[in-house]
Amino acid sequence: MFIILQNNCGHTTGAHSVVVICAWYAFHYNITGMELNTGLFLLVILAALLCQYLSISIGMGYGIIMAPLLLIMGFSPLHIVPAILFSHLVGGVIGSVMHQRLGNIELGFKQADKDQKKSNRLASLMASTDARVVAVLAGFGVIGVLLGTFTAINISDTALGIYIGGMVLLVGIMILCYRGRKQGFSWKGLIVLGLIGGFNKGISGGVFMVMATGGQLVAGREVKSSLGSTTVAVTIISAFGFLFYLLLGADINRELITAASIGSAVAAPFAVLTVKKLSAMKLELAIGLTTIILGIVTLVKVIIG
């Protein structure tokens, strides 16, 4: 699969193949989403593996593709979101550590270790642009994910499904419209990205990576720094989001969480290792088209029941 993803001719084929397989499997077998048989368990692992690979390597593709895929399969939105949050946390921890070690980001830990005083260590961390970006995205993202979690708990599955489908469709269109455009970097804009991205993460499990990474790229930040910073931020936000769901007494599908976490963990190291070999524009095109298709399919499934 990774060979397909690394081959420029196979980017679209690899992503769309999983979408087609999941949709066919769901409609053919009329999955209810309450229990996972062996075939469905393996399919969720495969979907999570591909989506996490795309998420960490190009900043889009995990929650934004996993959520509608799992909706299409028949899972309840309130089962889907905690599973995505926890599995994204698992893959994000691995991806964050590898981004730092491979030099895709510099969070200031090396300089902080040299400083003896706590105040100097904190200053060293905050002197890093990547660390400041992570702090802003994660800090305001946690506020957003809390609001999104409360919203998801208190609205109907139908309304939540329509929101997810419409949001995914809109993001897919925006990805295609803003490819290659650059604007000025703004910390205020980053705050807005954190809040809105966090809200969408809490209510649907996705879109944060797309918004935060895409917003930084449009603003002119370097691609590796944007990917690494967003991976660290979304890991922190996912941890808080999952905790909020637990505290609110959400019904957790342990089999779904396990399958998604396995796929996410396996994908993370491969994704970070291939960041330096990306053909980002072609992958963005593939993901943009895929999200538009998934948004439409999800809306149709929710509306017609």
C-alpha atoms as a PDB file:
ATOM      1  CA  MET A   1       0.000   0.000   0.000  1.00  0.00           C
ATOM      2  CA  PHE A   2       2.795   2.421   0.840  1.00  0.00           C
ATOM      3  CA  ILE A   3       4.380   1.680  -2.531  1.00  0.00           C
ATOM      4  CA  ILE A   4       1.117   2.736  -4.157  1.00  0.00           C
ATOM      5  CA  LEU A   5       1.010   5.927  -2.079  1.00  0.00           C
ATOM      6  CA  GLN A   6       4.590   6.814  -2.973  1.00  0.00           C
ATOM      7  CA  ASN A   7       3.959   6.271  -6.660  1.00  0.00           C
ATOM      8  CA  ASN A   8       2.620   9.488  -8.192  1.00  0.00           C
ATOM      9  CA  CYS A   9       0.377   7.536 -10.527  1.00  0.00           C
ATOM     10  CA  GLY A  10      -1.215   5.658  -7.661  1.00  0.00           C
ATOM     11  CA  HIS A  11      -2.114   8.399  -5.175  1.00  0.00           C
ATOM     12  CA  THR A  12      -5.733   8.713  -6.226  1.00  0.00           C
ATOM     13  CA  THR A  13      -6.129   4.972  -6.772  1.00  0.00           C
ATOM     14  CA  GLY A  14      -4.946   4.075  -3.273  1.00  0.00           C
ATOM     15  CA  ALA A  15      -7.229   6.515  -1.466  1.00  0.00           C
ATOM     16  CA  HIS A  16     -10.293   5.905  -3.594  1.00  0.00           C
ATOM     17  CA  SER A  17      -9.909   2.101  -3.439  1.00  0.00           C
ATOM     18  CA  VAL A  18     -10.440   2.031   0.329  1.00  0.00           C
ATOM     19  CA  VAL A  19     -13.433   4.374   0.000  1.00  0.00           C
ATOM     20  CA  VAL A  20     -15.043   2.150  -2.643  1.00  0.00           C
ATOM     21  CA  ILE A  21     -14.339  -1.065  -0.669  1.00  0.00           C
ATOM     22  CA  CYS A  22     -15.786   0.356   2.568  1.00  0.00           C
ATOM     23  CA  ALA A  23     -18.891   1.706   0.860  1.00  0.00           C
ATOM     24  CA  TRP A  24     -19.511  -1.564  -1.014  1.00  0.00           C
ATOM     25  CA  TYR A  25     -18.970  -3.660   2.118  1.00  0.00           C
ATOM     26  CA  ALA A  26     -21.326  -1.500   4.165  1.00  0.00           C
ATOM     27  CA  PHE A  27     -24.191  -1.435   1.674  1.00  0.00           C
ATOM     28  CA  HIS A  28     -23.797  -5.093   0.616  1.00  0.00           C
ATOM     29  CA  TYR A  29     -23.840  -6.499   4.148  1.00  0.00           C
ATOM     30  CA  ASN A  30     -26.081  -3.851   5.767  1.00  0.00           C
ATOM     31  CA  ILE A  31     -23.714  -3.292   8.715  1.00  0.00           C
ATOM     32  CA  THR A  32     -25.318  -2.024  11.913  1.00  0.00           C
ATOM     33  CA  GLY A  33     -22.049  -0.882  13.478  1.00  0.00           C
ATOM     34  CA  MET A  34     -22.763  -2.348  16.940  1.00  0.00           C
ATOM     35  CA  GLU A  35     -20.443  -5.375  16.600  1.00  0.00           C
ATOM     36  CA  LEU A  36     -17.372  -5.952  14.468  1.00  0.00           C
ATOM     37  CA  ASN A  37     -16.877  -9.278  12.737  1.00  0.00           C
ATOM     38  CA  THR A  38     -13.396 -10.279  11.576  1.00  0.00           C
ATOM     39  CA  GLY A  39     -13.819  -8.817   8.093  1.00  0.00           C
ATOM     40  CA  LEU A  40     -15.086  -5.474   9.373  1.00  0.00           C
ATOM     41  CA  PHE A  41     -12.403  -5.335  12.092  1.00  0.00           C
ATOM     42  CA  LEU A  42      -9.684  -5.761   9.457  1.00  0.00           C
ATOM     43  CA  LEU A  43     -11.372  -3.245   7.169  1.00  0.00           C
ATOM     44  CA  VAL A  44     -11.404  -0.607   9.934  1.00  0.00           C
ATOM     45  CA  ILE A  45      -7.686  -1.283  10.544  1.00  0.00           C
ATOM     46  CA  LEU A  46      -6.977  -0.800   6.826  1.00  0.00           C
ATOM     47  CA  ALA A  47      -9.036   2.386   6.654  1.00  0.00           C
ATOM     48  CA  ALA A  48      -7.356   3.820   9.783  1.00  0.00           C
ATOM     49  CA  LEU A  49      -3.917   2.887   8.449  1.00  0.00           C
ATOM     50  CA  LEU A  50      -4.449   4.705   5.160  1.00  0.00           C
ATOM     51  CA  CYS A  51      -6.173   7.709   6.737  1.00  0.00           C
ATOM     52  CA  GLN A  52      -3.517   8.192   9.423  1.00  0.00           C
ATOM     53  CA  TYR A  53      -0.784   7.867   6.812  1.00  0.00           C
ATOM     54  CA  LEU A  54      -2.384  10.654   4.798  1.00  0.00           C
ATOM     55  CA  SER A  55      -3.062  12.716   7.924  1.00  0.00           C
ATOM     56  CA  ILE A  56       0.501  12.786   9.232  1.00  0.00           C
ATOM     57  CA  SER A  57       2.195  12.909   5.832  1.00  0.00           C
ATOM     58  CA  ILE A  58       0.099  15.634   4.171  1.00  0.00           C
ATOM     59  CA  GLY A  59      -2.009  16.984   7.034  1.00  0.00           C
ATOM     60  CA  MET A  60      -5.367  15.676   5.909  1.00  0.00           C
ATOM     61  CA  GLY A  61      -7.263  12.460   5.685  1.00  0.00           C
ATOM     62  CA  TYR A  62      -7.788  10.892   9.136  1.00  0.00           C
ATOM     63  CA  GLY A  63     -10.931  12.110  10.848  1.00  0.00           C
ATOM     64  CA  ILE A  64     -12.209  13.850   7.737  1.00  0.00           C
ATOM     65  CA  ILE A  65     -12.229  10.549   5.815  1.00  0.00           C
ATOM     66  CA  MET A  66     -12.661   8.092   8.698  1.00  0.00           C
ATOM     67  CA  ALA A  67     -15.791   9.786  10.088  1.00  0.00           C
ATOM     68  CA  PRO A  68     -17.858   9.613   6.884  1.00  0.00           C
ATOM     69  CA  LEU A  69     -16.471   6.144   6.078  1.00  0.00           C
ATOM     70  CA  LEU A  70     -17.618   4.827   9.442  1.00  0.00           C
ATOM     71  CA  LEU A  71     -20.949   6.632   9.038  1.00  0.00           C
ATOM     72  CA  ILE A  72     -21.401   4.966   5.665  1.00  0.00           C
ATOM     73  CA  MET A  73     -20.646   1.604   7.328  1.00  0.00           C
ATOM     74  CA  GLY A  74     -23.466   2.246   9.775  1.00  0.00           C
ATOM     75  CA  PHE A  75     -21.682   3.191  12.995  1.00  0.00           C
ATOM     76  CA  SER A  76     -23.299   5.729  15.316  1.00  0.00           C
ATOM     77  CA  PRO A  77     -21.672   9.190  15.320  1.00  0.00           C
ATOM     78  CA  LEU A  78     -21.290   8.970  19.108  1.00  0.00           C
ATOM     79  CA  HIS A  79     -19.280   5.741  18.636  1.00  0.00           C
ATOM     80  CA  ILE A  80     -17.270   7.158  15.770  1.00  0.00           C
ATOM     81  CA  VAL A  81     -15.955  10.362  17.338  1.00  0.00           C
ATOM     82  CA  PRO A  82     -14.405   8.849  20.517  1.00  0.00           C
ATOM     83  CA  ALA A  83     -12.815   6.095  18.406  1.00  0.00           C
ATOM     84  CA  ILE A  84     -11.262   8.637  16.055  1.00  0.00           C
ATOM     85  CA  LEU A  85     -10.062  10.811  18.931  1.00  0.00           C
ATOM     86  CA  PHE A  86      -8.368   7.953  20.784  1.00  0.00           C
ATOM     87  CA  SER A  87      -6.811   6.343  17.709  1.00  0.00           C
ATOM     88  CA  HIS A  88      -5.592   9.741  16.497  1.00  0.00           C
ATOM     89  CA  LEU A  89      -4.013  10.204  19.931  1.00  0.00           C
ATOM     90  CA  VAL A  90      -2.187   6.870  19.595  1.00  0.00           C
ATOM     91  CA  GLY A  91      -0.849   7.607  16.118  1.00  0.00           C
ATOM     92  CA  GLY A  92      -0.191  11.250  16.992  1.00  0.00           C
ATOM     93  CA  VAL A  93       2.123  10.421  19.889  1.00  0.00           C
ATOM     94  CA  ILE A  94       4.268   8.249  17.621  1.00  0.00           C
ATOM     95  CA  GLY A  95       4.172  10.796  14.799  1.00  0.00           C
ATOM     96  CA  SER A  96       5.034  13.737  17.077  1.00  0.00           C
ATOM     97  CA  VAL A  97       8.094  12.022  18.535  1.00  0.00           C
ATOM     98  CA  MET A  98       9.362  11.045  15.088  1.00  0.00           C
ATOM     99  CA  HIS A  99       8.757  14.526  13.624  1.00  0.00           C
ATOM    100  CA  GLN A 100      10.932  15.998  16.392  1.00  0.00           C
ATOM    101  CA  ARG A 101      13.663  13.362  16.094  1.00  0.00           C
ATOM    102  CA  LEU A 102      13.887  13.618  12.311  1.00  0.00           C
ATOM    103  CA  GLY A 103      14.101  17.402  12.446  1.00  0.00           C
ATOM    104  CA  ASN A 104      10.808  18.171  10.703  1.00  0.00           C
ATOM    105  CA  ILE A 105      10.034  20.433  13.663  1.00  0.00           C
ATOM    106  CA  GLU A 106      12.109  21.974  16.440  1.00  0.00           C
ATOM    107  CA  LEU A 107      10.200  22.468  19.677  1.00  0.00           C
ATOM    108  CA  GLY A 108      13.183  23.826  21.623  1.00  0.00           C
ATOM    109  CA  PHE A 109      13.710  20.752  23.808  1.00  0.00           C
ATOM    110  CA  LYS A 110      17.426  20.513  22.999  1.00  0.00           C
ATOM    111  CA  GLN A 111      18.137  24.080  24.083  1.00  0.00           C
ATOM    112  CA  ALA A 112      15.831  23.725  27.103  1.00  0.00           C
ATOM    113  CA  ASP A 113      17.817  20.703  28.292  1.00  0.00           C
ATOM    114  CA  LYS A 114      20.983  22.818  28.277  1.00  0.00           C
ATOM    115  CA  ASP A 115      19.399  25.527  30.434  1.00  0.00           C
ATOM    116  CA  GLN A 116      19.485  24.795  34.163  1.00  0.00           C
ATOM    117  CA  LYS A 117      16.842  27.237  35.445  1.00  0.00           C
ATOM    118  CA  LYS A 118      13.152  26.482  34.900  1.00  0.00           C
ATOM    119  CA  SER A 119      12.526  30.022  33.680  1.00  0.00           C
ATOM    120  CA  ASN A 120      15.274  29.661  31.076  1.00  0.00           C
ATOM    121  CA  ARG A 121      13.889  26.316  29.947  1.00  0.00           C
ATOM    122  CA  LEU A 122      10.432  27.786  29.422  1.00  0.00           C
ATOM    123  CA  ALA A 123      11.926  30.728  27.528  1.00  0.00           C
ATOM    124  CA  SER A 124      13.878  28.306  25.314  1.00  0.00           C
ATOM    125  CA  LEU A 125      10.727  26.383  24.485  1.00  0.00           C
ATOM    126  CA  MET A 126       8.744  29.523  23.692  1.00  0.00           C
ATOM    127  CA  ALA A 127      11.587  30.863  21.532  1.00  0.00           C
ATOM    128  CA  SER A 128      10.750  28.128  19.027  1.00  0.00           C
ATOM    129  CA  THR A 129       8.185  29.184  16.412  1.00  0.00           C
ATOM    130  CA  ASP A 130       7.019  25.576  16.132  1.00  0.00           C
ATOM    131  CA  ALA A 131       6.437  25.418  19.900  1.00  0.00           C
ATOM    132  CA  ARG A 132       4.458  28.679  19.863  1.00  0.00           C
ATOM    133  CA  VAL A 133       2.316  27.443  16.977  1.00  0.00           C
ATOM    134  CA  VAL A 134       1.634  24.197  18.858  1.00  0.00           C
ATOM    135  CA  ALA A 135       0.739  26.146  22.028  1.00  0.00           C
ATOM    136  CA  VAL A 136      -1.748  28.395  20.207  1.00  0.00           C
ATOM    137  CA  LEU A 137      -3.356  25.606  18.177  1.00  0.00           C
ATOM    138  CA  ALA A 138      -3.568  23.196  21.114  1.00  0.00           C
ATOM    139  CA  GLY A 139      -4.668  25.798  23.678  1.00  0.00           C
ATOM    140  CA  PHE A 140      -7.543  27.205  21.653  1.00  0.00           C
ATOM    141  CA  GLY A 141      -8.199  23.812  20.081  1.00  0.00           C
ATOM    142  CA  VAL A 142      -8.935  22.327  23.523  1.00  0.00           C
ATOM    143  CA  ILE A 143     -11.542  25.063  24.093  1.00  0.00           C
ATOM    144  CA  GLY A 144     -13.051  24.291  20.700  1.00  0.00           C
ATOM    145  CA  VAL A 145     -13.091  20.524  21.241  1.00  0.00           C
ATOM    146  CA  LEU A 146     -14.869  20.986  24.591  1.00  0.00           C
ATOM    147  CA  LEU A 147     -17.615  23.031  22.903  1.00  0.00           C
ATOM    148  CA  GLY A 148     -17.819  20.500  20.071  1.00  0.00           C
ATOM    149  CA  THR A 149     -18.107  17.573  22.486  1.00  0.00           C
ATOM    150  CA  PHE A 150     -21.016  19.157  24.368  1.00  0.00           C
ATOM    151  CA  THR A 151     -22.712  19.913  21.051  1.00  0.00           C
ATOM    152  CA  ALA A 152     -22.276  16.344  19.770  1.00  0.00           C
ATOM    153  CA  ILE A 153     -23.697  14.840  22.966  1.00  0.00           C
ATOM    154  CA  ASN A 154     -26.801  17.039  22.853  1.00  0.00           C
ATOM    155  CA  ILE A 155     -27.931  16.833  19.221  1.00  0.00           C
ATOM    156  CA  SER A 156     -29.535  14.010  17.251  1.00  0.00           C
ATOM    157  CA  ASP A 157     -27.592  11.476  15.185  1.00  0.00           C
ATOM    158  CA  THR A 158     -29.335  12.758  12.052  1.00  0.00           C
ATOM    159  CA  ALA A 159     -28.326  16.374  12.655  1.00  0.00           C
ATOM    160  CA  LEU A 160     -24.782  15.316  13.526  1.00  0.00           C
ATOM    161  CA  GLY A 161     -24.562  13.173  10.393  1.00  0.00           C
ATOM    162  CA  ILE A 162     -25.779  16.039   8.192  1.00  0.00           C
ATOM    163  CA  TYR A 163     -23.265  18.402   9.804  1.00  0.00           C
ATOM    164  CA  ILE A 164     -20.389  15.950   9.244  1.00  0.00           C
ATOM    165  CA  GLY A 165     -21.405  15.301   5.639  1.00  0.00           C
ATOM    166  CA  GLY A 166     -21.835  18.998   4.846  1.00  0.00           C
ATOM    167  CA  MET A 167     -18.602  19.937   6.590  1.00  0.00           C
ATOM    168  CA  VAL A 168     -16.626  17.273   4.732  1.00  0.00           C
ATOM    169  CA  LEU A 169     -18.104  18.380   1.404  1.00  0.00           C
ATOM    170  CA  LEU A 170     -17.241  22.031   2.122  1.00  0.00           C
ATOM    171  CA  VAL A 171     -13.670  21.211   3.163  1.00  0.00           C
ATOM    172  CA  GLY A 172     -13.144  19.147   0.013  1.00  0.00           C
ATOM    173  CA  ILE A 173     -14.239  22.084  -2.130  1.00  0.00           C
ATOM    174  CA  MET A 174     -11.997  24.473  -0.180  1.00  0.00           C
ATOM    175  CA  ILE A 175      -8.978  22.180  -0.556  1.00  0.00           C
ATOM    176  CA  LEU A 176      -9.341  22.312  -4.341  1.00  0.00           C
ATOM    177  CA  CYS A 177     -10.028  26.051  -4.432  1.00  0.00           C
ATOM    178  CA  TYR A 178      -7.052  27.080  -2.274  1.00  0.00           C
ATOM    179  CA  ARG A 179      -4.386  24.768  -3.715  1.00  0.00           C
ATOM    180  CA  GLY A 180      -1.176  26.735  -4.306  1.00  0.00           C
ATOM    181  CA  ARG A 181      -2.390  30.049  -2.834  1.00  0.00           C
ATOM    182  CA  LYS A 182      -0.320  31.945  -0.267  1.00  0.00           C
ATOM    183  CA  GLN A 183      -1.366  34.669   2.165  1.00  0.00           C
ATOM    184  CA  GLY A 184       0.293  36.481   5.087  1.00  0.00           C
ATOM    185  CA  PHE A 185       0.815  34.579   8.353  1.00  0.00           C
ATOM    186  CA  SER A 186      -1.351  35.797  11.252  1.00  0.00           C
ATOM    187  CA  TRP A 187      -1.380  34.692  14.900  1.00  0.00           C
ATOM    188  CA  LYS A 188      -4.998  35.874  15.154  1.00  0.00           C
ATOM    189  CA  GLY A 189      -5.820  33.674  12.196  1.00  0.00           C
ATOM    190  CA  LEU A 190      -4.081  30.772  13.956  1.00  0.00           C
ATOM    191  CA  ILE A 191      -6.317  31.313  17.010  1.00  0.00           C
ATOM    192  CA  VAL A 192      -9.403  31.121  14.794  1.00  0.00           C
ATOM    193  CA  LEU A 193      -8.057  27.943  13.165  1.00  0.00           C
ATOM    194  CA  GLY A 194      -7.533  26.413  16.603  1.00  0.00           C
ATOM    195  CA  LEU A 195     -11.036  27.251  17.852  1.00  0.00           C
ATOM    196  CA  ILE A 196     -12.947  26.181  14.729  1.00  0.00           C
ATOM    197  CA  GLY A 197     -10.717  23.181  14.113  1.00  0.00           C
ATOM    198  CA  GLY A 198     -11.102  22.068  17.733  1.00  0.00           C
ATOM    199  CA  PHE A 199     -14.891  22.429  17.576  1.00  0.00           C
ATOM    200  CA  ASN A 200     -15.019  20.283  14.443  1.00  0.00           C
ATOM    201  CA  LYS A 201     -12.680  17.755  16.078  1.00  0.00           C
ATOM    202  CA  GLY A 202     -15.002  17.477  19.063  1.00  0.00           C
ATOM    203  CA  ILE A 203     -18.206  17.209  17.063  1.00  0.00           C
ATOM    204  CA  SER A 204     -16.975  14.941  14.258  1.00  0.00           C
ATOM    205  CA  GLY A 205     -13.494  13.656  15.110  1.00  0.00           C
ATOM    206  CA  GLY A 206     -11.988  15.300  12.031  1.00  0.00           C
ATOM    207  CA  VAL A 207     -11.106  18.409  10.016  1.00  0.00           C
ATOM    208  CA  PHE A 208      -8.607  19.878  12.521  1.00  0.00           C
ATOM    209  CA  MET A 209      -5.569  18.603  10.595  1.00  0.00           C
ATOM    210  CA  VAL A 210      -7.009  19.892   7.333  1.00  0.00           C
ATOM    211  CA  MET A 211      -7.802  23.360   8.688  1.00  0.00           C
ATOM    212  CA  ALA A 212      -4.649  23.851  10.766  1.00  0.00           C
ATOM    213  CA  THR A 213      -2.169  22.483   8.237  1.00  0.00           C
ATOM    214  CA  GLY A 214      -3.906  24.038   5.243  1.00  0.00           C
ATOM    215  CA  GLY A 215      -4.206  27.398   7.006  1.00  0.00           C
ATOM    216  CA  GLN A 216      -0.498  27.457   7.818  1.00  0.00           C
ATOM    217  CA  LEU A 217       0.468  26.503   4.262  1.00  0.00           C
ATOM    218  CA  VAL A 218      -1.800  29.176   2.776  1.00  0.00           C
ATOM    219  CA  ALA A 219      -0.177  31.654   5.175  1.00  0.00           C
ATOM    220  CA  GLY A 220       3.272  30.716   3.905  1.00  0.00           C
ATOM    221  CA  ARG A 221       4.685  28.403   6.616  1.00  0.00           C
ATOM    222  CA  GLU A 222       7.042  25.654   5.469  1.00  0.00           C
ATOM    223  CA  VAL A 223       5.293  22.348   4.808  1.00  0.00           C
ATOM    224  CA  LYS A 224       7.311  20.128   7.182  1.00  0.00           C
ATOM    225  CA  SER A 225       6.986  22.587  10.071  1.00  0.00           C
ATOM    226  CA  SER A 226       3.251  22.908   9.429  1.00  0.00           C
ATOM    227  CA  LEU A 227       2.752  19.142   9.363  1.00  0.00           C
ATOM    228  CA  GLY A 228       4.843  18.535  12.472  1.00  0.00           C
ATOM    229  CA  SER A 229       3.328  21.358  14.520  1.00  0.00           C
ATOM    230  CA  THR A 230      -0.209  20.326  13.640  1.00  0.00           C
ATOM    231  CA  THR A 231       0.497  16.669  14.459  1.00  0.00           C
ATOM    232  CA  VAL A 232       1.671  17.624  17.971  1.00  0.00           C
ATOM    233  CA  ALA A 233      -1.280  19.984  18.510  1.00  0.00           C
ATOM    234  CA  VAL A 234      -3.906  17.509  17.330  1.00  0.00           C
ATOM    235  CA  THR A 235      -2.440  14.827  19.612  1.00  0.00           C
ATOM    236  CA  ILE A 236      -2.983  17.078  22.639  1.00  0.00           C
ATOM    237  CA  ILE A 237      -6.476  18.051  21.483  1.00  0.00           C
ATOM    238  CA  SER A 238      -7.443  14.416  20.809  1.00  0.00           C
ATOM    239  CA  ALA A 239      -6.413  13.452  24.353  1.00  0.00           C
ATOM    240  CA  PHE A 240      -8.616  16.156  25.876  1.00  0.00           C
ATOM    241  CA  GLY A 241     -11.465  15.392  23.474  1.00  0.00           C
ATOM    242  CA  PHE A 242     -11.517  11.691  24.377  1.00  0.00           C
ATOM    243  CA  LEU A 243     -11.335  12.576  28.079  1.00  0.00           C
ATOM    244  CA  PHE A 244     -14.320  14.928  27.701  1.00  0.00           C
ATOM    245  CA  TYR A 245     -16.363  12.129  26.095  1.00  0.00           C
ATOM    246  CA  LEU A 246     -15.491   9.781  28.978  1.00  0.00           C
ATOM    247  CA  LEU A 247     -16.449  12.383  31.592  1.00  0.00           C
ATOM    248  CA  LEU A 248     -19.766  12.968  29.831  1.00  0.00           C
ATOM    249  CA  GLY A 249     -20.542   9.248  29.974  1.00  0.00           C
ATOM    250  CA  ALA A 250     -20.424   8.578  26.235  1.00  0.00           C
ATOM    251  CA  ASP A 251     -21.006   5.014  25.027  1.00  0.00           C
ATOM    252  CA  ILE A 252     -17.589   3.684  23.919  1.00  0.00           C
ATOM    253  CA  ASN A 253     -17.266   0.986  21.238  1.00  0.00           C
ATOM    254  CA  ARG A 254     -14.074  -0.754  22.404  1.00  0.00           C
ATOM    255  CA  GLU A 255     -13.756  -2.987  19.334  1.00  0.00           C
ATOM    256  CA  LEU A 256     -13.959   0.008  17.012  1.00  0.00           C
ATOM    257  CA  ILE A 257     -11.399   1.925  19.091  1.00  0.00           C
ATOM    258  CA  THR A 258      -9.027  -1.062  19.102  1.00  0.00           C
ATOM    259  CA  ALA A 259      -9.206  -1.599  15.348  1.00  0.00           C
ATOM    260  CA  ALA A 260      -8.748   2.093  14.544  1.00  0.00           C
ATOM    261  CA  SER A 261      -5.849   2.433  17.005  1.00  0.00           C
ATOM    262  CA  ILE A 262      -3.971  -0.509  15.497  1.00  0.00           C
ATOM    263  CA  GLY A 263      -4.168   0.974  12.015  1.00  0.00           C
ATOM    264  CA  SER A 264      -3.237   4.430  13.263  1.00  0.00           C
ATOM    265  CA  ALA A 265      -0.192   3.203  15.199  1.00  0.00           C
ATOM    266  CA  VAL A 266       1.147   1.162  12.287  1.00  0.00           C
ATOM    267  CA  ALA A 267       0.796   4.061   9.827  1.00  0.00           C
ATOM    268  CA  ALA A 268       2.424   6.810  11.910  1.00  0.00           C
ATOM    269  CA  PRO A 269       6.137   5.960  11.536  1.00  0.00           C
ATOM    270  CA  PHE A 270       5.834   5.311   7.794  1.00  0.00           C
ATOM    271  CA  ALA A 271       4.018   8.620   7.314  1.00  0.00           C
ATOM    272  CA  VAL A 272       6.713  10.664   9.049  1.00  0.00           C
ATOM    273  CA  LEU A 273       9.487   8.893   7.140  1.00  0.00           C
ATOM    274  CA  THR A 274       7.886   9.770   3.806  1.00  0.00           C
ATOM    275  CA  VAL A 275       7.259  13.469   4.563  1.00  0.00           C
ATOM    276  CA  LYS A 276      10.468  14.411   2.741  1.00  0.00           C
ATOM    277  CA  LYS A 277       9.382  12.549  -0.415  1.00  0.00           C
ATOM    278  CA  LEU A 278       5.901  14.024  -0.832  1.00  0.00           C
ATOM    279  CA  SER A 279       4.250  15.210  -4.000  1.00  0.00           C
ATOM    280  CA  ALA A 280       1.875  17.312  -1.914  1.00  0.00           C
ATOM    281  CA  MET A 281      -0.076  18.986  -4.709  1.00  0.00           C
ATOM    282  CA  LYS A 282      -1.105  15.674  -6.268  1.00  0.00           C
ATOM    283  CA  LEU A 283      -2.021  14.203  -2.900  1.00  0.00           C
ATOM    284  CA  GLU A 284      -4.055  17.288  -2.012  1.00  0.00           C
ATOM    285  CA  LEU A 285      -5.962  16.894  -5.270  1.00  0.00           C
ATOM    286  CA  ALA A 286      -6.702  13.240  -4.467  1.00  0.00           C
ATOM    287  CA  ILE A 287      -7.858  14.057  -0.930  1.00  0.00           C
ATOM    288  CA  GLY A 288      -9.929  17.012  -2.101  1.00  0.00           C
ATOM    289  CA  LEU A 289     -11.801  14.850  -4.600  1.00  0.00           C
ATOM    290  CA  THR A 290     -12.171  12.030  -2.070  1.00  0.00           C
ATOM    291  CA  THR A 291     -13.613  14.296   0.630  1.00  0.00           C
ATOM    292  CA  ILE A 292     -16.133  15.772  -1.810  1.00  0.00           C
ATOM    293  CA  ILE A 293     -17.300  12.265  -2.773  1.00  0.00           C
ATOM    294  CA  LEU A 294     -17.486  11.174   0.870  1.00  0.00           C
ATOM    295  CA  GLY A 295     -19.403  14.312   1.845  1.00  0.00           C
ATOM    296  CA  ILE A 296     -21.999  13.693  -0.861  1.00  0.00           C
ATOM    297  CA  VAL A 297     -22.342   9.966  -0.037  1.00  0.00           C
ATOM    298  CA  THR A 298     -22.660  10.717   3.689  1.00  0.00           C
ATOM    299  CA  LEU A 299     -25.349  13.359   3.138  1.00  0.00           C
ATOM    300  CA  VAL A 300     -27.310  11.045   0.832  1.00  0.00           C
ATOM    301  CA  LYS A 301     -27.115   8.149   3.339  1.00  0.00           C
ATOM    302  CA  VAL A 302     -28.230  10.323   6.282  1.00  0.00           C
ATOM    303  CA  ILE A 303     -31.050  12.016   4.356  1.00  0.00           C
ATOM    304  CA  ILE A 304     -32.528   8.847   2.812  1.00  0.00           C
ATOM    305  CA  GLY A 305     -31.902   6.843   5.983  1.00  0.00           C
END
